[in-house]
C-alpha atoms as a PDB file:
ATOM      1  CA  MET A   1      32.036  12.381  48.949  1.00  0.00           C
ATOM      2  CA  LYS A   2      35.503  13.525  49.781  1.00  0.00           C
ATOM      3  CA  THR A   3      37.106  15.854  47.250  1.00  0.00           C
ATOM      4  CA  THR A   4      40.302  17.866  47.295  1.00  0.00           C
ATOM      5  CA  VAL A   5      40.389  21.151  45.401  1.00  0.00           C
ATOM      6  CA  ASP A   6      42.679  24.142  45.338  1.00  0.00           C
ATOM      7  CA  ILE A   7      40.609  27.276  46.057  1.00  0.00           C
ATOM      8  CA  PRO A   8      42.285  30.694  45.892  1.00  0.00           C
ATOM      9  CA  ASP A   9      42.712  32.038  49.447  1.00  0.00           C
ATOM     10  CA  ARG A  10      41.153  35.433  48.746  1.00  0.00           C
ATOM     11  CA  GLU A  11      38.051  33.900  47.189  1.00  0.00           C
ATOM     12  CA  LEU A  12      37.648  31.459  50.052  1.00  0.00           C
ATOM     13  CA  ARG A  13      38.000  34.231  52.659  1.00  0.00           C
ATOM     14  CA  GLU A  14      35.321  36.278  50.874  1.00  0.00           C
ATOM     15  CA  LEU A  15      33.067  33.234  50.625  1.00  0.00           C
ATOM     16  CA  VAL A  16      33.332  32.595  54.351  1.00  0.00           C
ATOM     17  CA  LYS A  17      32.616  36.270  55.023  1.00  0.00           C
ATOM     18  CA  PHE A  18      29.611  36.451  52.671  1.00  0.00           C
ATOM     19  CA  THR A  19      28.049  33.202  53.859  1.00  0.00           C
ATOM     20  CA  ARG A  20      28.807  33.976  57.516  1.00  0.00           C
ATOM     21  CA  ALA A  21      29.818  30.350  57.880  1.00  0.00           C
ATOM     22  CA  LYS A  22      31.782  29.141  60.877  1.00  0.00           C
ATOM     23  CA  THR A  23      33.955  26.807  58.780  1.00  0.00           C
ATOM     24  CA  LYS A  24      35.371  26.750  55.276  1.00  0.00           C
ATOM     25  CA  ARG A  25      33.502  23.515  54.597  1.00  0.00           C
ATOM     26  CA  ALA A  26      30.186  25.074  55.632  1.00  0.00           C
ATOM     27  CA  ALA A  27      30.854  28.062  53.386  1.00  0.00           C
ATOM     28  CA  ILE A  28      31.600  25.833  50.393  1.00  0.00           C
ATOM     29  CA  VAL A  29      28.536  23.644  50.981  1.00  0.00           C
ATOM     30  CA  THR A  30      26.371  26.773  51.285  1.00  0.00           C
ATOM     31  CA  ALA A  31      27.775  28.152  48.032  1.00  0.00           C
ATOM     32  CA  ILE A  32      27.186  24.865  46.203  1.00  0.00           C
ATOM     33  CA  MET A  33      23.616  24.605  47.468  1.00  0.00           C
ATOM     34  CA  ASP A  34      22.916  28.219  46.465  1.00  0.00           C
ATOM     35  CA  PHE A  35      24.411  27.663  43.017  1.00  0.00           C
ATOM     36  CA  ASN A  36      22.316  24.532  42.455  1.00  0.00           C
ATOM     37  CA  ARG A  37      19.134  26.254  43.709  1.00  0.00           C
ATOM     38  CA  ARG A  38      19.696  29.163  41.328  1.00  0.00           C
ATOM     39  CA  ARG A  39      20.218  26.788  38.395  1.00  0.00           C
ATOM     40  CA  ARG A  40      17.018  24.875  39.234  1.00  0.00           C
ATOM     41  CA  MET A  41      15.113  28.156  39.418  1.00  0.00           C
ATOM     42  CA  ALA A  42      16.551  29.251  36.069  1.00  0.00           C
ATOM     43  CA  LEU A  43      15.276  26.026  34.513  1.00  0.00           C
ATOM     44  CA  LEU A  44      11.816  26.652  35.947  1.00  0.00           C
ATOM     45  CA  VAL A  45      11.775  30.246  34.726  1.00  0.00           C
ATOM     46  CA  LYS A  46      12.230  28.988  31.171  1.00  0.00           C
ATOM     47  CA  HIS A  47       8.743  27.487  31.481  1.00  0.00           C
ATOM     48  CA  SER A  48       7.168  30.592  32.963  1.00  0.00           C
ATOM     49  CA  GLY A  49       4.049  31.528  31.060  1.00  0.00           C
ATOM     50  CA  THR A  50       4.124  28.449  28.826  1.00  0.00           C
ATOM     51  CA  PHE A  51       1.475  26.360  30.590  1.00  0.00           C
ATOM     52  CA  ARG A  52      -1.960  26.375  29.013  1.00  0.00           C
ATOM     53  CA  GLY A  53      -5.237  25.535  30.646  1.00  0.00           C
ATOM     54  CA  LEU A  54      -4.236  25.655  34.289  1.00  0.00           C
ATOM     55  CA  LEU A  55      -7.100  25.013  36.670  1.00  0.00           C
ATOM     56  CA  THR A  56      -8.589  27.875  38.621  1.00  0.00           C
ATOM     57  CA  ASN A  57      -8.757  27.563  42.377  1.00  0.00           C
ATOM     58  CA  GLU A  58     -12.516  26.922  42.135  1.00  0.00           C
ATOM     59  CA  GLU A  59     -12.027  24.129  39.589  1.00  0.00           C
ATOM     60  CA  LEU A  60      -9.343  22.511  41.728  1.00  0.00           C
ATOM     61  CA  GLU A  61     -11.533  22.650  44.841  1.00  0.00           C
ATOM     62  CA  ALA A  62     -14.424  21.085  42.906  1.00  0.00           C
ATOM     63  CA  LEU A  63     -12.181  18.208  41.775  1.00  0.00           C
ATOM     64  CA  GLU A  64     -10.942  17.674  45.323  1.00  0.00           C
ATOM     65  CA  ALA A  65     -14.505  17.647  46.639  1.00  0.00           C
ATOM     66  CA  ASP A  66     -15.343  14.805  44.233  1.00  0.00           C
ATOM     67  CA  GLU A  67     -12.411  12.638  45.391  1.00  0.00           C
ATOM     68  CA  PRO A  68     -12.858  10.047  48.147  1.00  0.00           C
ATOM     69  CA  HIS A  69     -11.607  11.314  51.489  1.00  0.00           C
ATOM     70  CA  ALA A  70      -9.705   8.114  52.315  1.00  0.00           C
ATOM     71  CA  ARG A  71      -6.090   8.975  51.545  1.00  0.00           C
ATOM     72  CA  GLY A  72      -2.861   7.549  52.838  1.00  0.00           C
ATOM     73  CA  GLY A  73      -3.149   4.008  51.538  1.00  0.00           C
ATOM     74  CA  ALA A  74      -5.898   2.765  53.872  1.00  0.00           C
END
């Protein structure tokens, strides 16, 4: 998607410096990806400690042992 935006020069220079990007575009893409990753993590953190009845490793291994070994659609 092509978008035109006016970014203050000082902020853009700092962004390029902090991201160590070779181009302005790379710096902006890196910043957007980091922003989105942080937001996704924040949404996950909201659920931290709210799950009840999670399986222990032993219970999960027992369930997997009971499953047929043919996986992958064959």
